[in-house]
Amino acid sequence: MLPATFNVPKSHLQCYGESVYCINKDLLTICNQCESPLERFTSVVAWSISTARPTIFGSAPFNSVLGETHHVSSGNLNVLLEQVSHHPPVSALHATNEKENIELIWCQHPVAKFYGTSVEAEVHGKRQLKLHKYKETYEMNSPKLLIRFLPVPGTEWVGNAVWPSESAAVWAEVSQGILNQEWEKARDAKKSVEEEQRKLLRERESAGETWVPQHFHLTQSKERGWDCSPIRERVPPAPIVVPL
């Protein structure tokens, strides 16, 4: 278990969502306003690159718990994420902008590879951007996250381009402890979250039950790997609103 002193006060699921809705310039809407196919393509490439945010060496978000959700609205964009699998970790994202008729469907499954002096997190899964106005679907890969230990520590993106389960509720006490630098409180709260998840897993295994996501259909095949598709056509407005 990673000590809370090495955590940033948010979960992986929240960070995943923030790459879509925490923006300085609305590049996503610009993709839908370009007239020519070439302009739209280059705009989609620019937007996709903008979702790869800088990371901080030595600090990591919380590992999202199974069934954790993150639901946020920013302007006309409604974003919903769910942790649909814990072992292996698989996160799903569905976002819609009804005004611009834009839809995002992402499925993310990171796989770590160790190389002695570095670790490379290869992110598997499909990332789709749908511009329904033009009947166009863009599918892209996620870049890899490289964490170097030697010779110079650092991180960079490489490669091609039944309790409350909202992220803010699950990790609220842990986040508050980190923000207040109350490390013992943060450690105990984090341990409590993780032990509760282990307890729920033992109960499901004892009852012979399989976890079923609330908002996504989850499939896996040898050819396509993990795939997530949203259950609902549109994402409703969220209880959390982020200003533009």
C-alpha atoms as a PDB file:
ATOM      1  CA  MET A   1       0.000   0.000   0.000  1.00  0.00           C
ATOM      2  CA  LEU A   2       1.457   3.353  -1.065  1.00  0.00           C
ATOM      3  CA  PRO A   3       1.729   5.773   1.897  1.00  0.00           C
ATOM      4  CA  ALA A   4      -0.631   8.743   1.678  1.00  0.00           C
ATOM      5  CA  THR A   5       2.346  11.126   1.693  1.00  0.00           C
ATOM      6  CA  PHE A   6       3.031  10.020  -1.904  1.00  0.00           C
ATOM      7  CA  ASN A   7      -0.559  10.577  -3.067  1.00  0.00           C
ATOM      8  CA  VAL A   8      -2.171  13.588  -4.714  1.00  0.00           C
ATOM      9  CA  PRO A   9      -5.660  14.232  -3.244  1.00  0.00           C
ATOM     10  CA  LYS A  10      -7.667  12.685  -6.072  1.00  0.00           C
ATOM     11  CA  SER A  11      -8.195   9.273  -7.661  1.00  0.00           C
ATOM     12  CA  HIS A  12      -6.992   7.948 -11.011  1.00  0.00           C
ATOM     13  CA  LEU A  13     -10.609   8.081 -12.231  1.00  0.00           C
ATOM     14  CA  GLN A  14     -10.875  11.792 -11.453  1.00  0.00           C
ATOM     15  CA  CYS A  15      -7.550  12.510 -13.181  1.00  0.00           C
ATOM     16  CA  TYR A  16      -8.767  10.549 -16.197  1.00  0.00           C
ATOM     17  CA  GLY A  17     -11.902  12.701 -16.354  1.00  0.00           C
ATOM     18  CA  GLU A  18     -10.032  15.953 -15.798  1.00  0.00           C
ATOM     19  CA  SER A  19      -8.101  15.369 -19.012  1.00  0.00           C
ATOM     20  CA  VAL A  20     -11.425  15.917 -20.807  1.00  0.00           C
ATOM     21  CA  TYR A  21     -13.140  18.699 -18.861  1.00  0.00           C
ATOM     22  CA  CYS A  22     -10.341  20.705 -17.199  1.00  0.00           C
ATOM     23  CA  ILE A  23      -9.377  22.933 -20.110  1.00  0.00           C
ATOM     24  CA  ASN A  24      -8.136  26.452 -20.855  1.00  0.00           C
ATOM     25  CA  LYS A  25      -9.406  26.417 -24.444  1.00  0.00           C
ATOM     26  CA  ASP A  26     -12.363  24.423 -25.745  1.00  0.00           C
ATOM     27  CA  LEU A  27     -10.518  22.474 -28.440  1.00  0.00           C
ATOM     28  CA  LEU A  28     -13.247  19.823 -28.461  1.00  0.00           C
ATOM     29  CA  THR A  29     -15.914  22.243 -29.696  1.00  0.00           C
ATOM     30  CA  ILE A  30     -13.495  23.601 -32.292  1.00  0.00           C
ATOM     31  CA  CYS A  31     -13.285  20.077 -33.791  1.00  0.00           C
ATOM     32  CA  ASN A  32     -17.004  20.300 -34.548  1.00  0.00           C
ATOM     33  CA  GLN A  33     -16.847  23.795 -36.057  1.00  0.00           C
ATOM     34  CA  CYS A  34     -14.285  23.145 -38.795  1.00  0.00           C
ATOM     35  CA  GLU A  35     -15.779  23.000 -42.273  1.00  0.00           C
ATOM     36  CA  SER A  36     -13.344  20.735 -44.131  1.00  0.00           C
ATOM     37  CA  PRO A  37     -12.470  17.108 -43.250  1.00  0.00           C
ATOM     38  CA  LEU A  38      -8.766  18.013 -43.114  1.00  0.00           C
ATOM     39  CA  GLU A  39      -9.373  20.867 -40.668  1.00  0.00           C
ATOM     40  CA  ARG A  40     -11.479  18.597 -38.481  1.00  0.00           C
ATOM     41  CA  PHE A  41      -8.804  15.899 -38.552  1.00  0.00           C
ATOM     42  CA  THR A  42      -6.010  18.283 -37.519  1.00  0.00           C
ATOM     43  CA  SER A  43      -8.263  19.750 -34.801  1.00  0.00           C
ATOM     44  CA  VAL A  44      -8.973  16.259 -33.437  1.00  0.00           C
ATOM     45  CA  VAL A  45      -5.221  15.532 -33.352  1.00  0.00           C
ATOM     46  CA  ALA A  46      -4.593  18.807 -31.464  1.00  0.00           C
ATOM     47  CA  TRP A  47      -7.380  18.048 -29.000  1.00  0.00           C
ATOM     48  CA  SER A  48      -6.138  14.466 -28.455  1.00  0.00           C
ATOM     49  CA  ILE A  49      -2.608  15.739 -27.681  1.00  0.00           C
ATOM     50  CA  SER A  50      -4.064  18.256 -25.211  1.00  0.00           C
ATOM     51  CA  THR A  51      -5.538  15.423 -23.100  1.00  0.00           C
ATOM     52  CA  ALA A  52      -2.026  14.181 -22.189  1.00  0.00           C
ATOM     53  CA  ARG A  53      -1.341  16.273 -19.068  1.00  0.00           C
ATOM     54  CA  PRO A  54       2.022  16.735 -17.326  1.00  0.00           C
ATOM     55  CA  THR A  55       2.606  14.355 -14.416  1.00  0.00           C
ATOM     56  CA  ILE A  56       4.578  14.858 -11.195  1.00  0.00           C
ATOM     57  CA  PHE A  57       7.371  12.400 -10.413  1.00  0.00           C
ATOM     58  CA  GLY A  58       7.013  10.804  -6.987  1.00  0.00           C
ATOM     59  CA  SER A  59       3.277  11.551  -6.614  1.00  0.00           C
ATOM     60  CA  ALA A  60       0.398   9.329  -7.667  1.00  0.00           C
ATOM     61  CA  PRO A  61      -3.417   9.450  -7.486  1.00  0.00           C
ATOM     62  CA  PHE A  62      -5.385   6.918  -5.426  1.00  0.00           C
ATOM     63  CA  ASN A  63      -6.131   3.585  -7.086  1.00  0.00           C
ATOM     64  CA  SER A  64      -9.835   3.842  -7.955  1.00  0.00           C
ATOM     65  CA  VAL A  65     -12.112   1.385  -6.137  1.00  0.00           C
ATOM     66  CA  LEU A  66     -14.411  -0.976  -8.034  1.00  0.00           C
ATOM     67  CA  GLY A  67     -17.674   0.746  -8.908  1.00  0.00           C
ATOM     68  CA  GLU A  68     -16.303   4.223  -8.200  1.00  0.00           C
ATOM     69  CA  THR A  69     -17.904   6.878 -10.419  1.00  0.00           C
ATOM     70  CA  HIS A  70     -17.015  10.444 -11.331  1.00  0.00           C
ATOM     71  CA  HIS A  71     -19.792  12.616 -12.840  1.00  0.00           C
ATOM     72  CA  VAL A  72     -19.060  16.214 -13.833  1.00  0.00           C
ATOM     73  CA  SER A  73     -20.577  18.878 -16.085  1.00  0.00           C
ATOM     74  CA  SER A  74     -18.530  21.634 -17.706  1.00  0.00           C
ATOM     75  CA  GLY A  75     -20.492  24.001 -19.901  1.00  0.00           C
ATOM     76  CA  ASN A  76     -22.554  21.819 -22.244  1.00  0.00           C
ATOM     77  CA  LEU A  77     -20.272  18.799 -21.757  1.00  0.00           C
ATOM     78  CA  ASN A  78     -21.524  16.112 -19.343  1.00  0.00           C
ATOM     79  CA  VAL A  79     -18.871  13.558 -18.354  1.00  0.00           C
ATOM     80  CA  LEU A  80     -19.434  10.206 -16.587  1.00  0.00           C
ATOM     81  CA  LEU A  81     -16.711   7.741 -15.598  1.00  0.00           C
ATOM     82  CA  GLU A  82     -16.845   4.392 -13.836  1.00  0.00           C
ATOM     83  CA  GLN A  83     -14.199   1.972 -12.564  1.00  0.00           C
ATOM     84  CA  VAL A  84     -15.627  -1.151 -14.227  1.00  0.00           C
ATOM     85  CA  SER A  85     -12.854  -3.545 -13.137  1.00  0.00           C
ATOM     86  CA  HIS A  86     -10.251  -3.492 -10.363  1.00  0.00           C
ATOM     87  CA  HIS A  87      -8.097  -6.530 -11.228  1.00  0.00           C
ATOM     88  CA  PRO A  88      -7.103  -5.728 -13.901  1.00  0.00           C
ATOM     89  CA  PRO A  89      -7.839  -1.983 -13.586  1.00  0.00           C
ATOM     90  CA  VAL A  90     -10.241  -0.870 -16.326  1.00  0.00           C
ATOM     91  CA  SER A  91     -11.830   2.597 -16.446  1.00  0.00           C
ATOM     92  CA  ALA A  92     -14.668   3.684 -18.750  1.00  0.00           C
ATOM     93  CA  LEU A  93     -15.625   7.204 -19.829  1.00  0.00           C
ATOM     94  CA  HIS A  94     -18.732   8.493 -21.611  1.00  0.00           C
ATOM     95  CA  ALA A  95     -19.227  12.173 -22.364  1.00  0.00           C
ATOM     96  CA  THR A  96     -21.840  13.975 -24.442  1.00  0.00           C
ATOM     97  CA  ASN A  97     -22.399  17.542 -25.564  1.00  0.00           C
ATOM     98  CA  GLU A  98     -25.967  17.712 -26.868  1.00  0.00           C
ATOM     99  CA  LYS A  99     -25.613  21.289 -28.138  1.00  0.00           C
ATOM    100  CA  GLU A 100     -22.636  20.424 -30.350  1.00  0.00           C
ATOM    101  CA  ASN A 101     -23.786  16.791 -30.909  1.00  0.00           C
ATOM    102  CA  ILE A 102     -20.424  15.436 -29.763  1.00  0.00           C
ATOM    103  CA  GLU A 103     -19.851  12.114 -27.977  1.00  0.00           C
ATOM    104  CA  LEU A 104     -16.777  10.562 -26.329  1.00  0.00           C
ATOM    105  CA  ILE A 105     -16.464   6.854 -25.488  1.00  0.00           C
ATOM    106  CA  TRP A 106     -13.201   5.753 -23.889  1.00  0.00           C
ATOM    107  CA  CYS A 107     -11.994   2.542 -22.267  1.00  0.00           C
ATOM    108  CA  GLN A 108      -8.647   2.573 -20.471  1.00  0.00           C
ATOM    109  CA  HIS A 109      -6.629  -0.419 -19.243  1.00  0.00           C
ATOM    110  CA  PRO A 110      -3.038   0.430 -18.203  1.00  0.00           C
ATOM    111  CA  VAL A 111      -0.405  -2.317 -18.247  1.00  0.00           C
ATOM    112  CA  ALA A 112       2.941  -1.641 -16.555  1.00  0.00           C
ATOM    113  CA  LYS A 113       6.240  -2.891 -17.978  1.00  0.00           C
ATOM    114  CA  PHE A 114       9.423  -2.737 -15.883  1.00  0.00           C
ATOM    115  CA  TYR A 115      12.802  -2.068 -17.507  1.00  0.00           C
ATOM    116  CA  GLY A 116      15.126  -1.769 -14.505  1.00  0.00           C
ATOM    117  CA  THR A 117      15.778   1.979 -14.632  1.00  0.00           C
ATOM    118  CA  SER A 118      12.274   2.870 -15.808  1.00  0.00           C
ATOM    119  CA  VAL A 119       8.636   1.807 -15.867  1.00  0.00           C
ATOM    120  CA  GLU A 120       6.443   2.180 -18.940  1.00  0.00           C
ATOM    121  CA  ALA A 121       2.657   2.226 -18.506  1.00  0.00           C
ATOM    122  CA  GLU A 122       1.118   1.154 -21.798  1.00  0.00           C
ATOM    123  CA  VAL A 123      -2.527   2.241 -21.926  1.00  0.00           C
ATOM    124  CA  HIS A 124      -4.710  -0.245 -23.812  1.00  0.00           C
ATOM    125  CA  GLY A 125      -8.297   0.366 -24.867  1.00  0.00           C
ATOM    126  CA  LYS A 126     -10.258   2.311 -27.428  1.00  0.00           C
ATOM    127  CA  ARG A 127     -10.759   6.064 -27.382  1.00  0.00           C
ATOM    128  CA  GLN A 128     -13.503   7.311 -29.704  1.00  0.00           C
ATOM    129  CA  LEU A 129     -14.585  10.844 -30.565  1.00  0.00           C
ATOM    130  CA  LYS A 130     -17.851  11.049 -32.498  1.00  0.00           C
ATOM    131  CA  LEU A 131     -18.848  14.175 -34.397  1.00  0.00           C
ATOM    132  CA  HIS A 132     -22.459  13.222 -35.111  1.00  0.00           C
ATOM    133  CA  LYS A 133     -23.052  16.385 -37.141  1.00  0.00           C
ATOM    134  CA  TYR A 134     -20.693  15.026 -39.815  1.00  0.00           C
ATOM    135  CA  LYS A 135     -21.318  11.311 -39.114  1.00  0.00           C
ATOM    136  CA  GLU A 136     -17.601  10.962 -38.332  1.00  0.00           C
ATOM    137  CA  THR A 137     -15.932   8.741 -35.724  1.00  0.00           C
ATOM    138  CA  TYR A 138     -12.279   9.194 -34.815  1.00  0.00           C
ATOM    139  CA  GLU A 139     -10.546   6.352 -32.971  1.00  0.00           C
ATOM    140  CA  MET A 140      -7.185   6.984 -31.337  1.00  0.00           C
ATOM    141  CA  ASN A 141      -4.623   5.309 -29.123  1.00  0.00           C
ATOM    142  CA  SER A 142      -3.470   6.628 -25.794  1.00  0.00           C
ATOM    143  CA  PRO A 143       0.219   7.554 -25.403  1.00  0.00           C
ATOM    144  CA  LYS A 144       2.397   5.608 -22.973  1.00  0.00           C
ATOM    145  CA  LEU A 145       3.508   7.059 -19.642  1.00  0.00           C
ATOM    146  CA  LEU A 146       7.246   6.633 -19.077  1.00  0.00           C
ATOM    147  CA  ILE A 147       8.559   6.912 -15.502  1.00  0.00           C
ATOM    148  CA  ARG A 148      12.367   7.155 -15.339  1.00  0.00           C
ATOM    149  CA  PHE A 149      14.414   6.497 -12.204  1.00  0.00           C
ATOM    150  CA  LEU A 150      17.898   6.778 -13.725  1.00  0.00           C
ATOM    151  CA  PRO A 151      19.932   8.642 -14.804  1.00  0.00           C
ATOM    152  CA  VAL A 152      17.573  11.581 -14.172  1.00  0.00           C
ATOM    153  CA  PRO A 153      14.207  10.923 -12.440  1.00  0.00           C
ATOM    154  CA  GLY A 154      11.192  12.179 -14.350  1.00  0.00           C
ATOM    155  CA  THR A 155       8.002  11.329 -16.214  1.00  0.00           C
ATOM    156  CA  GLU A 156       6.803  11.938 -19.747  1.00  0.00           C
ATOM    157  CA  TRP A 157       4.193  10.790 -22.252  1.00  0.00           C
ATOM    158  CA  VAL A 158       5.638   8.845 -25.177  1.00  0.00           C
ATOM    159  CA  GLY A 159       4.335   6.975 -28.221  1.00  0.00           C
ATOM    160  CA  ASN A 160       1.434   7.646 -30.535  1.00  0.00           C
ATOM    161  CA  ALA A 161      -0.901   9.689 -30.361  1.00  0.00           C
ATOM    162  CA  VAL A 162     -23.596  -0.080  -1.147  1.00  0.00           C
ATOM    163  CA  TRP A 163     -21.894   3.100   0.093  1.00  0.00           C
ATOM    164  CA  PRO A 164     -21.202   6.361  -1.772  1.00  0.00           C
ATOM    165  CA  SER A 165     -19.180   5.577  -4.865  1.00  0.00           C
ATOM    166  CA  GLU A 166     -18.579   9.018  -6.401  1.00  0.00           C
ATOM    167  CA  SER A 167     -14.846   9.795  -6.415  1.00  0.00           C
ATOM    168  CA  ALA A 168     -15.286  12.888  -4.231  1.00  0.00           C
ATOM    169  CA  ALA A 169     -17.242  10.890  -1.645  1.00  0.00           C
ATOM    170  CA  VAL A 170     -15.024   7.786  -1.571  1.00  0.00           C
ATOM    171  CA  TRP A 171     -11.770   9.693  -1.110  1.00  0.00           C
ATOM    172  CA  ALA A 172     -13.050  12.814   0.713  1.00  0.00           C
ATOM    173  CA  GLU A 173     -11.470  12.061   4.111  1.00  0.00           C
ATOM    174  CA  VAL A 174      -8.187  10.922   2.541  1.00  0.00           C
ATOM    175  CA  SER A 175      -7.984  14.029   0.342  1.00  0.00           C
ATOM    176  CA  GLN A 176      -8.737  16.335   3.258  1.00  0.00           C
ATOM    177  CA  GLY A 177      -6.000  14.713   5.319  1.00  0.00           C
ATOM    178  CA  ILE A 178      -3.457  15.211   2.512  1.00  0.00           C
ATOM    179  CA  LEU A 179      -4.500  18.832   1.928  1.00  0.00           C
ATOM    180  CA  ASN A 180      -4.190  19.544   5.668  1.00  0.00           C
ATOM    181  CA  GLN A 181      -0.934  17.537   5.865  1.00  0.00           C
ATOM    182  CA  GLU A 182      -2.519  15.330   8.536  1.00  0.00           C
ATOM    183  CA  TRP A 183      -0.662  12.258   7.317  1.00  0.00           C
ATOM    184  CA  GLU A 184      -1.810   9.816  10.002  1.00  0.00           C
ATOM    185  CA  LYS A 185      -5.446  10.728   9.370  1.00  0.00           C
ATOM    186  CA  ALA A 186      -4.942  10.362   5.614  1.00  0.00           C
ATOM    187  CA  ARG A 187      -3.192   6.989   6.056  1.00  0.00           C
ATOM    188  CA  ASP A 188      -5.942   5.584   8.283  1.00  0.00           C
ATOM    189  CA  ALA A 189      -8.699   6.832   5.974  1.00  0.00           C
ATOM    190  CA  LYS A 190      -7.001   5.342   2.923  1.00  0.00           C
ATOM    191  CA  LYS A 191      -6.490   2.021   4.710  1.00  0.00           C
ATOM    192  CA  SER A 192     -10.190   2.003   5.630  1.00  0.00           C
ATOM    193  CA  VAL A 193     -11.233   2.471   1.986  1.00  0.00           C
ATOM    194  CA  GLU A 194      -8.928  -0.309   0.783  1.00  0.00           C
ATOM    195  CA  GLU A 195      -9.969  -2.754   3.528  1.00  0.00           C
ATOM    196  CA  GLU A 196     -13.646  -2.120   2.758  1.00  0.00           C
ATOM    197  CA  GLN A 197     -13.006  -3.012  -0.896  1.00  0.00           C
ATOM    198  CA  ARG A 198     -11.264  -6.256   0.109  1.00  0.00           C
ATOM    199  CA  LYS A 199     -14.214  -7.096   2.363  1.00  0.00           C
ATOM    200  CA  LEU A 200     -16.709  -6.514  -0.470  1.00  0.00           C
ATOM    201  CA  LEU A 201     -14.597  -8.696  -2.780  1.00  0.00           C
ATOM    202  CA  ARG A 202     -14.576 -11.565  -0.246  1.00  0.00           C
ATOM    203  CA  GLU A 203     -18.357 -11.265   0.140  1.00  0.00           C
ATOM    204  CA  ARG A 204     -18.896 -11.416  -3.643  1.00  0.00           C
ATOM    205  CA  GLU A 205     -16.587 -14.413  -3.992  1.00  0.00           C
ATOM    206  CA  SER A 206     -18.327 -16.203  -1.093  1.00  0.00           C
ATOM    207  CA  ALA A 207     -21.738 -15.600  -2.696  1.00  0.00           C
ATOM    208  CA  GLY A 208     -20.490 -16.523  -6.175  1.00  0.00           C
ATOM    209  CA  GLU A 209     -21.395 -13.072  -7.483  1.00  0.00           C
ATOM    210  CA  THR A 210     -19.752 -11.152 -10.313  1.00  0.00           C
ATOM    211  CA  TRP A 211     -19.468  -7.381 -10.303  1.00  0.00           C
ATOM    212  CA  VAL A 212     -21.688  -5.681 -12.898  1.00  0.00           C
ATOM    213  CA  PRO A 213     -20.938  -2.015 -13.789  1.00  0.00           C
ATOM    214  CA  GLN A 214     -23.774   0.512 -13.404  1.00  0.00           C
ATOM    215  CA  HIS A 215     -23.174   2.651 -16.478  1.00  0.00           C
ATOM    216  CA  PHE A 216     -21.233   0.534 -19.000  1.00  0.00           C
ATOM    217  CA  HIS A 217     -21.292  -2.842 -20.728  1.00  0.00           C
ATOM    218  CA  LEU A 218     -17.891  -4.487 -20.192  1.00  0.00           C
ATOM    219  CA  THR A 219     -16.510  -7.139 -22.554  1.00  0.00           C
ATOM    220  CA  GLN A 220     -13.154  -8.807 -23.101  1.00  0.00           C
ATOM    221  CA  SER A 221     -11.753 -10.840 -25.975  1.00  0.00           C
ATOM    222  CA  LYS A 222      -8.314 -12.100 -26.947  1.00  0.00           C
ATOM    223  CA  GLU A 223      -8.406 -10.098 -30.164  1.00  0.00           C
ATOM    224  CA  ARG A 224      -9.776  -6.757 -28.899  1.00  0.00           C
ATOM    225  CA  GLY A 225      -8.808  -6.829 -25.222  1.00  0.00           C
ATOM    226  CA  TRP A 226     -11.088  -4.906 -22.830  1.00  0.00           C
ATOM    227  CA  ASP A 227     -13.939  -2.881 -24.312  1.00  0.00           C
ATOM    228  CA  CYS A 228     -16.544  -0.629 -22.672  1.00  0.00           C
ATOM    229  CA  SER A 229     -19.747   0.699 -24.225  1.00  0.00           C
ATOM    230  CA  PRO A 230     -22.162   3.087 -22.473  1.00  0.00           C
ATOM    231  CA  ILE A 231     -25.565   1.777 -21.388  1.00  0.00           C
ATOM    232  CA  ARG A 232     -27.312   5.117 -21.976  1.00  0.00           C
ATOM    233  CA  GLU A 233     -27.223   7.202 -25.134  1.00  0.00           C
ATOM    234  CA  ARG A 234     -26.669  10.524 -23.341  1.00  0.00           C
ATOM    235  CA  VAL A 235     -24.874  11.572 -20.156  1.00  0.00           C
ATOM    236  CA  PRO A 236     -27.183  13.597 -17.867  1.00  0.00           C
ATOM    237  CA  PRO A 237     -26.085  16.852 -16.174  1.00  0.00           C
ATOM    238  CA  ALA A 238     -23.870  16.179 -13.168  1.00  0.00           C
ATOM    239  CA  PRO A 239     -24.086  17.204  -9.494  1.00  0.00           C
ATOM    240  CA  ILE A 240     -20.552  18.607  -9.840  1.00  0.00           C
ATOM    241  CA  VAL A 241     -20.215  21.572 -12.198  1.00  0.00           C
ATOM    242  CA  VAL A 242     -16.792  22.836 -13.268  1.00  0.00           C
ATOM    243  CA  PRO A 243     -16.692  26.400 -14.646  1.00  0.00           C
ATOM    244  CA  LEU A 244     -15.225  26.969 -18.092  1.00  0.00           C
END
